Amino acid sequence: MFKLLDGPQTLGRGKIFWSCFLAVLAGALIYPVFADSYDVGNFSYFLIWIFMALGLCLMWGYGGMLSFGQTFFFGIAGYGYGVLAINMGGGTTTIAAIILSVLIAMAAAAVLGYFMIWGGISGIFFGIVTLSATLVLAFFLGQTAGPEWHIGTARLNGFNGMKGMDPLAVGDFYIEGSALYYVMIALIVIVYIALRMLVNSSVGNVIVATRENPQRAEMLGYDVRKYQLLTFVIGSGLAGLSGALYTSWGQFITPSSIGLPAAAMPIVWVAFSGRSDLTATLVGSFLLLFGFQTITVYSQQAALVLMGTLLLATVMLAPQGFVLGIGKLVVDWWTRRRRREPAPTLADAGRLQSDET
């Protein structure tokens, strides 16, 4: 089990890395003690989106499938949670609602993924199909303002969004504020550890082999379509988890959280961070979300322009991702230091990324 945590498919291994991991985790756990409730709520909001980024990292970085459909499954699970929570009456049933909504998103991913993967859709066309599905869902939900658009007692409400669902609760205890923050921390640790073990397992090795050369992997006897579908379903399920948690956190969801601008955001987070590593995606996505939210307070347009600029800079200057590039530079510097070799330069990091590309 522990060997899977320190496998070759993930950056960061050994006592030093895990000591830093535990130190960061300890800092995150004691943060609510010193912060006010508003800041804790904001951090909970940032953490909600991390699951979507990690799912895209798995699909795109490890599986080689660029998907613009993360907000598609985000929306399915988000609206699914709203419908289930309203019709099931709230309270402890919200726990069942969030589980069922994620399962619905994964079922939708299995159906869509089956027709795409078994239909031979790959490369840029994979992104086009998933983007089309996202835009169709956003357009459909936007025109459901009339009273006839309802599921049970839950109205969809068009562009005004669905509201009226209860937050996560256990009995009469609502999971909000610091409680929600700690739930987010626990879920992120569980998902992060589970994904590290997955990508470093034999299944993960096949997923990476499929990304590098699907024909060669198939000639070795693997049905690459099954591994691609598994990757797509897990990654989409994590996007669904973000959607359900988002709806529970804000007690509303609108079609604008599914449309084109929202669909592009996970691409920017993962590309900037480094799509081929889970740790880089986790750290980079959180930093971008924090920065984006801070700038949005003053100007939403400026925040969107910054996201676009970062994407262009990543594509042109650091195709493997800025955070991943810095991480590799630090690892290489530490290795050379232990061997008493000259310290690496930025040019060395650039050549390292070029060789891997």
Protein backbone atom coordinates (compact mmCIF):
# COMPACT_ATOMS: atom_id res chain seq x y z
CA MET A 1 0.00 0.00 0.00
CA PHE A 2 2.69 2.51 1.00
CA LYS A 3 4.67 1.71 -2.15
CA LEU A 4 1.73 2.94 -4.20
CA LEU A 5 1.87 6.32 -2.45
CA ASP A 6 5.50 6.83 -3.55
CA GLY A 7 5.25 5.40 -7.04
CA PRO A 8 6.87 6.80 -10.20
CA GLN A 9 3.71 8.47 -11.55
CA THR A 10 3.60 11.19 -8.89
CA LEU A 11 5.99 13.97 -7.96
CA GLY A 12 7.05 14.10 -4.33
CA ARG A 13 8.31 11.02 -2.51
CA GLY A 14 10.16 10.12 0.63
CA LYS A 15 10.23 11.36 4.21
CA ILE A 16 10.80 15.01 3.34
CA PHE A 17 7.75 15.23 1.07
CA TRP A 18 5.43 13.48 3.50
CA SER A 19 6.75 15.55 6.40
CA CYS A 20 5.85 18.69 4.44
CA PHE A 21 2.48 17.14 3.61
CA LEU A 22 1.73 16.52 7.28
CA ALA A 23 2.89 20.02 8.22
CA VAL A 24 0.56 21.60 5.64
CA LEU A 25 -2.28 19.36 6.79
CA ALA A 26 -1.68 20.34 10.42
CA GLY A 27 -1.74 24.01 9.42
CA ALA A 28 -5.01 23.49 7.57
CA LEU A 29 -6.56 21.76 10.57
CA ILE A 30 -5.74 24.53 13.02
CA TYR A 31 -6.62 27.37 10.59
CA PRO A 32 -10.26 27.76 11.77
CA VAL A 33 -9.03 28.33 15.33
CA PHE A 34 -7.38 31.62 14.33
CA ALA A 35 -9.54 32.70 11.36
CA ASP A 36 -12.97 34.28 11.42
CA SER A 37 -16.01 32.42 10.13
CA TYR A 38 -16.12 34.42 6.87
CA ASP A 39 -12.61 33.39 5.86
CA VAL A 40 -13.27 29.78 6.84
CA GLY A 41 -16.37 29.79 4.63
CA ASN A 42 -14.36 31.20 1.73
CA PHE A 43 -11.72 28.51 2.11
CA SER A 44 -14.44 25.87 2.11
CA TYR A 45 -15.62 27.35 -1.19
CA PHE A 46 -12.12 27.13 -2.68
CA LEU A 47 -11.72 23.52 -1.58
CA ILE A 48 -15.01 22.49 -3.20
CA TRP A 49 -13.55 23.07 -6.68
CA ILE A 50 -10.39 21.06 -6.05
CA PHE A 51 -12.20 17.77 -6.73
CA MET A 52 -13.10 18.93 -10.23
CA ALA A 53 -9.47 19.88 -10.91
CA LEU A 54 -8.16 16.54 -9.64
CA GLY A 55 -10.66 14.71 -11.83
CA LEU A 56 -9.51 16.61 -14.91
CA CYS A 57 -5.89 15.96 -13.96
CA LEU A 58 -6.63 12.23 -13.93
CA MET A 59 -8.42 12.32 -17.29
CA TRP A 60 -6.20 14.77 -19.15
CA GLY A 61 -2.82 14.48 -17.48
CA TYR A 62 -2.73 10.74 -16.89
CA GLY A 63 -5.31 9.47 -19.39
CA GLY A 64 -4.67 11.88 -22.24
CA MET A 65 -8.37 12.84 -22.61
CA LEU A 66 -8.96 16.60 -22.70
CA SER A 67 -12.52 17.08 -21.47
CA PHE A 68 -14.52 20.31 -21.45
CA GLY A 69 -17.30 18.39 -19.75
CA GLN A 70 -16.34 18.85 -16.11
CA THR A 71 -19.06 21.45 -15.58
CA PHE A 72 -21.51 19.17 -17.42
CA PHE A 73 -21.18 16.57 -14.67
CA PHE A 74 -20.85 19.35 -12.09
CA GLY A 75 -24.28 20.55 -13.18
CA ILE A 76 -25.86 17.11 -13.30
CA ALA A 77 -24.79 16.34 -9.73
CA GLY A 78 -25.51 19.87 -8.51
CA TYR A 79 -29.05 19.92 -9.84
CA GLY A 80 -29.42 16.27 -8.85
CA TYR A 81 -28.56 17.12 -5.27
CA GLY A 82 -31.05 19.98 -5.30
CA VAL A 83 -33.88 17.83 -6.64
CA LEU A 84 -33.16 14.96 -4.24
CA ALA A 85 -32.65 17.15 -1.17
CA ILE A 86 -35.89 19.05 -1.76
CA ASN A 87 -37.98 15.99 -2.49
CA MET A 88 -36.46 13.83 0.25
CA GLY A 89 -37.14 16.44 2.90
CA GLY A 90 -33.67 17.52 4.02
CA GLY A 91 -32.03 16.57 7.28
CA THR A 92 -29.96 13.39 7.30
CA THR A 93 -31.36 12.48 3.87
CA THR A 94 -29.00 15.12 2.40
CA ILE A 95 -26.16 12.64 2.92
CA ALA A 96 -28.00 10.14 0.74
CA ALA A 97 -28.80 12.93 -1.71
CA ILE A 98 -25.15 13.85 -2.21
CA ILE A 99 -24.13 10.21 -2.70
CA LEU A 100 -26.94 9.55 -5.18
CA SER A 101 -26.23 12.75 -7.11
CA VAL A 102 -22.57 11.78 -7.59
CA LEU A 103 -23.63 8.29 -8.70
CA ILE A 104 -26.03 9.87 -11.22
CA ALA A 105 -23.17 11.97 -12.61
CA MET A 106 -20.96 8.89 -12.88
CA ALA A 107 -23.76 6.98 -14.65
CA ALA A 108 -24.11 9.84 -17.14
CA ALA A 109 -20.33 9.77 -17.65
CA ALA A 110 -20.44 6.03 -18.26
CA VAL A 111 -23.12 6.43 -20.96
CA LEU A 112 -21.49 9.41 -22.69
CA GLY A 113 -18.01 7.93 -22.34
CA TYR A 114 -19.11 4.59 -23.75
CA PHE A 115 -20.42 6.11 -26.97
CA MET A 116 -17.39 8.39 -27.36
CA ILE A 117 -14.67 5.88 -26.54
CA TRP A 118 -16.18 2.88 -28.29
CA GLY A 119 -17.03 5.22 -31.17
CA GLY A 120 -13.34 6.01 -31.62
CA ILE A 121 -13.60 9.69 -30.65
CA SER A 122 -10.27 10.99 -29.37
CA GLY A 123 -7.99 14.01 -29.41
CA ILE A 124 -9.55 17.38 -30.13
CA PHE A 125 -12.85 15.77 -31.05
CA PHE A 126 -13.15 14.40 -27.52
CA GLY A 127 -13.00 17.97 -26.24
CA ILE A 128 -15.51 19.15 -28.84
CA VAL A 129 -18.09 16.52 -27.93
CA THR A 130 -17.78 17.14 -24.19
CA LEU A 131 -17.99 20.91 -24.72
CA SER A 132 -21.10 20.44 -26.88
CA ALA A 133 -22.75 18.38 -24.14
CA THR A 134 -21.91 21.10 -21.61
CA LEU A 135 -23.38 23.89 -23.73
CA VAL A 136 -26.53 21.88 -24.47
CA LEU A 137 -27.14 21.30 -20.77
CA ALA A 138 -26.51 24.97 -19.91
CA PHE A 139 -28.88 26.12 -22.69
CA PHE A 140 -31.56 23.65 -21.64
CA LEU A 141 -31.45 24.65 -17.98
CA GLY A 142 -31.56 28.32 -18.93
CA GLN A 143 -34.99 27.99 -20.51
CA THR A 144 -36.66 26.12 -17.64
CA ALA A 145 -38.07 29.21 -15.89
CA GLY A 146 -41.72 28.23 -16.26
CA PRO A 147 -43.69 26.47 -13.52
CA GLU A 148 -44.05 23.42 -15.75
CA TRP A 149 -40.33 22.71 -15.35
CA HIS A 150 -40.18 20.89 -12.06
CA ILE A 151 -39.25 17.48 -10.69
CA GLY A 152 -41.54 16.68 -7.82
CA THR A 153 -41.64 19.79 -5.67
CA ALA A 154 -38.27 21.07 -6.96
CA ARG A 155 -38.51 23.83 -9.58
CA LEU A 156 -35.58 24.35 -11.96
CA ASN A 157 -36.24 28.14 -12.27
CA GLY A 158 -34.20 28.75 -15.43
CA PHE A 159 -31.49 31.42 -15.20
CA ASN A 160 -32.68 32.36 -11.72
CA GLY A 161 -31.39 29.00 -10.56
CA MET A 162 -32.68 26.29 -8.27
CA LYS A 163 -32.83 27.12 -4.59
CA GLY A 164 -34.52 25.97 -1.42
CA MET A 165 -32.53 22.81 -0.75
CA ASP A 166 -31.06 22.13 2.69
CA PRO A 167 -27.31 22.00 3.30
CA LEU A 168 -25.66 18.79 4.40
CA ALA A 169 -26.96 17.73 7.77
CA VAL A 170 -26.88 14.92 10.27
CA GLY A 171 -30.12 14.99 12.18
CA ASP A 172 -30.62 18.57 13.33
CA PHE A 173 -26.92 19.44 12.97
CA TYR A 174 -26.17 21.35 9.76
CA ILE A 175 -22.70 20.85 8.31
CA GLU A 176 -21.75 24.48 7.73
CA GLY A 177 -18.93 26.83 8.67
CA SER A 178 -16.02 25.09 10.37
CA ALA A 179 -17.76 21.71 10.20
CA LEU A 180 -18.01 21.95 6.42
CA TYR A 181 -14.39 23.09 6.23
CA TYR A 182 -13.19 20.00 8.09
CA VAL A 183 -15.35 17.77 5.89
CA MET A 184 -13.70 19.33 2.82
CA ILE A 185 -10.22 18.75 4.25
CA ALA A 186 -11.02 15.12 5.03
CA LEU A 187 -12.50 14.48 1.58
CA ILE A 188 -9.55 16.11 -0.20
CA VAL A 189 -7.05 14.01 1.76
CA ILE A 190 -9.02 10.83 1.00
CA VAL A 191 -9.39 11.63 -2.70
CA TYR A 192 -5.76 12.72 -3.06
CA ILE A 193 -4.40 9.58 -1.38
CA ALA A 194 -6.76 7.34 -3.36
CA LEU A 195 -5.76 8.93 -6.67
CA ARG A 196 -2.06 8.61 -5.86
CA MET A 197 -2.56 4.93 -5.17
CA LEU A 198 -4.59 4.53 -8.36
CA VAL A 199 -2.09 6.15 -10.73
CA ASN A 200 0.84 4.28 -9.17
CA SER A 201 -0.93 0.91 -9.36
CA SER A 202 -0.89 -1.49 -12.29
CA VAL A 203 -4.16 0.06 -13.47
CA GLY A 204 -2.56 3.50 -13.39
CA ASN A 205 0.42 2.25 -15.38
CA VAL A 206 -1.94 1.04 -18.10
CA ILE A 207 -3.77 4.37 -18.07
CA VAL A 208 -0.48 6.22 -18.60
CA ALA A 209 0.58 3.71 -21.26
CA THR A 210 -2.70 4.35 -23.04
CA ARG A 211 -1.98 8.06 -23.02
CA GLU A 212 1.49 7.56 -24.45
CA ASN A 213 0.67 4.99 -27.13
CA PRO A 214 -2.77 3.34 -27.13
CA GLN A 215 -1.90 1.07 -30.06
CA ARG A 216 1.14 -0.33 -28.28
CA ALA A 217 -0.85 -0.87 -25.07
CA GLU A 218 -3.54 -2.68 -27.04
CA MET A 219 -0.94 -4.89 -28.72
CA LEU A 220 0.25 -5.90 -25.24
CA GLY A 221 -3.20 -7.35 -24.59
CA TYR A 222 -4.98 -4.52 -22.76
CA ASP A 223 -8.43 -3.34 -23.78
CA VAL A 224 -7.57 0.34 -23.63
CA ARG A 225 -11.20 1.37 -24.04
CA LYS A 226 -12.11 -0.06 -20.64
CA TYR A 227 -9.27 1.81 -18.95
CA GLN A 228 -10.22 5.03 -20.72
CA LEU A 229 -13.83 4.64 -19.67
CA LEU A 230 -12.80 3.96 -16.07
CA THR A 231 -10.64 7.09 -16.08
CA PHE A 232 -13.43 9.19 -17.59
CA VAL A 233 -16.03 7.96 -15.10
CA ILE A 234 -13.81 8.58 -12.05
CA GLY A 235 -12.74 12.03 -13.24
CA SER A 236 -16.32 13.00 -14.07
CA GLY A 237 -17.52 11.64 -10.73
CA LEU A 238 -15.11 13.97 -8.94
CA ALA A 239 -16.56 16.88 -10.93
CA GLY A 240 -19.99 15.70 -9.81
CA LEU A 241 -18.78 15.69 -6.20
CA SER A 242 -17.77 19.34 -6.61
CA GLY A 243 -21.21 20.13 -8.03
CA ALA A 244 -23.12 18.45 -5.22
CA LEU A 245 -20.95 20.06 -2.55
CA TYR A 246 -21.30 23.46 -4.23
CA THR A 247 -25.08 23.23 -4.24
CA SER A 248 -25.09 22.12 -0.61
CA TRP A 249 -22.71 24.91 0.37
CA GLY A 250 -24.60 27.76 -1.31
CA GLN A 251 -28.08 26.16 -1.27
CA PHE A 252 -28.54 27.20 -4.89
CA ILE A 253 -27.22 26.46 -8.38
CA THR A 254 -27.66 28.32 -11.68
CA PRO A 255 -26.98 27.50 -15.36
CA SER A 256 -24.16 30.07 -15.36
CA SER A 257 -22.08 27.67 -13.27
CA ILE A 258 -22.20 25.21 -16.18
CA GLY A 259 -21.74 27.40 -19.29
CA LEU A 260 -18.69 28.17 -21.41
CA PRO A 261 -16.77 30.51 -19.05
CA ALA A 262 -17.19 28.04 -16.19
CA ALA A 263 -16.23 25.10 -18.43
CA ALA A 264 -12.95 26.78 -19.35
CA MET A 265 -11.85 27.41 -15.76
CA PRO A 266 -10.79 23.83 -14.87
CA ILE A 267 -8.68 23.72 -18.05
CA VAL A 268 -6.82 26.84 -16.91
CA TRP A 269 -6.31 25.54 -13.36
CA VAL A 270 -4.93 22.19 -14.45
CA ALA A 271 -2.83 23.53 -17.34
CA PHE A 272 -1.23 26.19 -15.16
CA SER A 273 -0.58 23.77 -12.31
CA GLY A 274 0.76 20.84 -14.32
CA ARG A 275 -1.71 18.35 -15.70
CA SER A 276 0.59 15.33 -15.30
CA ASP A 277 0.85 15.46 -11.50
CA LEU A 278 -1.78 15.35 -8.78
CA THR A 279 0.20 17.32 -6.20
CA ALA A 280 0.92 20.16 -8.62
CA THR A 281 -2.76 20.28 -9.60
CA LEU A 282 -3.87 20.34 -5.97
CA VAL A 283 -1.52 23.17 -5.00
CA GLY A 284 -1.80 25.20 -8.20
CA SER A 285 -5.60 25.02 -8.40
CA PHE A 286 -5.97 26.22 -4.83
CA LEU A 287 -3.61 29.14 -5.43
CA LEU A 288 -5.43 30.13 -8.62
CA LEU A 289 -8.83 29.89 -6.96
CA PHE A 290 -7.64 32.04 -4.08
CA GLY A 291 -6.16 34.64 -6.43
CA PHE A 292 -9.18 34.59 -8.76
CA GLN A 293 -11.60 35.14 -5.88
CA THR A 294 -9.47 37.95 -4.45
CA ILE A 295 -9.38 39.79 -7.78
CA THR A 296 -13.08 39.12 -8.49
CA VAL A 297 -13.98 41.21 -5.43
CA TYR A 298 -12.66 44.25 -7.31
CA SER A 299 -13.34 43.30 -10.94
CA GLN A 300 -14.72 40.08 -12.38
CA GLN A 301 -13.61 41.09 -15.89
CA ALA A 302 -10.03 41.58 -14.70
CA ALA A 303 -10.07 38.14 -13.10
CA LEU A 304 -11.23 36.52 -16.34
CA VAL A 305 -8.57 38.39 -18.32
CA LEU A 306 -5.94 37.17 -15.86
CA MET A 307 -7.10 33.56 -16.30
CA GLY A 308 -6.83 33.89 -20.07
CA THR A 309 -3.40 35.45 -19.80
CA LEU A 310 -2.19 32.65 -17.54
CA LEU A 311 -3.43 30.04 -20.00
CA LEU A 312 -1.59 31.72 -22.89
CA ALA A 313 1.58 32.07 -20.81
CA THR A 314 1.38 28.41 -19.82
CA VAL A 315 0.98 27.21 -23.40
CA MET A 316 3.82 29.40 -24.68
CA LEU A 317 6.32 29.29 -21.82
CA ALA A 318 5.64 26.21 -19.68
CA PRO A 319 3.55 23.60 -21.51
CA GLN A 320 4.00 21.14 -18.65
CA GLY A 321 2.69 23.67 -16.11
CA PHE A 322 4.31 26.35 -13.96
CA VAL A 323 3.76 24.68 -10.60
CA LEU A 324 5.00 21.32 -11.86
CA GLY A 325 8.04 22.99 -13.43
CA ILE A 326 8.91 24.71 -10.15
CA GLY A 327 8.40 21.46 -8.27
CA LYS A 328 10.75 19.58 -10.57
CA LEU A 329 13.29 22.38 -10.26
CA VAL A 330 13.20 22.11 -6.46
CA VAL A 331 13.50 18.31 -6.56
CA ASP A 332 16.41 18.49 -8.98
CA TRP A 333 18.12 21.16 -6.87
CA TRP A 334 17.74 19.04 -3.73
CA THR A 335 19.09 15.95 -5.49
CA ARG A 336 22.13 17.84 -6.78
CA ARG A 337 22.70 19.38 -3.37
CA ARG A 338 22.79 15.98 -1.74
CA ARG A 339 25.25 14.83 -4.37
CA ARG A 340 27.24 18.08 -4.02
CA GLU A 341 26.74 18.95 -7.66
CA PRO A 342 26.21 22.45 -9.11
CA ALA A 343 22.72 23.84 -8.52
CA PRO A 344 20.33 23.72 -11.50
CA THR A 345 19.31 26.81 -13.40
CA LEU A 346 16.02 27.78 -14.98
CA ALA A 347 17.49 26.72 -18.30
CA ASP A 348 18.01 23.22 -16.87
CA ALA A 349 14.35 23.09 -15.84
CA GLY A 350 13.34 24.20 -19.33
CA ARG A 351 15.45 21.48 -20.93
CA LEU A 352 14.00 18.92 -18.51
CA GLN A 353 10.45 19.83 -19.53
CA SER A 354 11.42 19.85 -23.23
CA ASP A 355 12.89 16.35 -22.93
CA GLU A 356 9.70 15.06 -21.27
CA THR A 357 7.55 16.70 -23.90
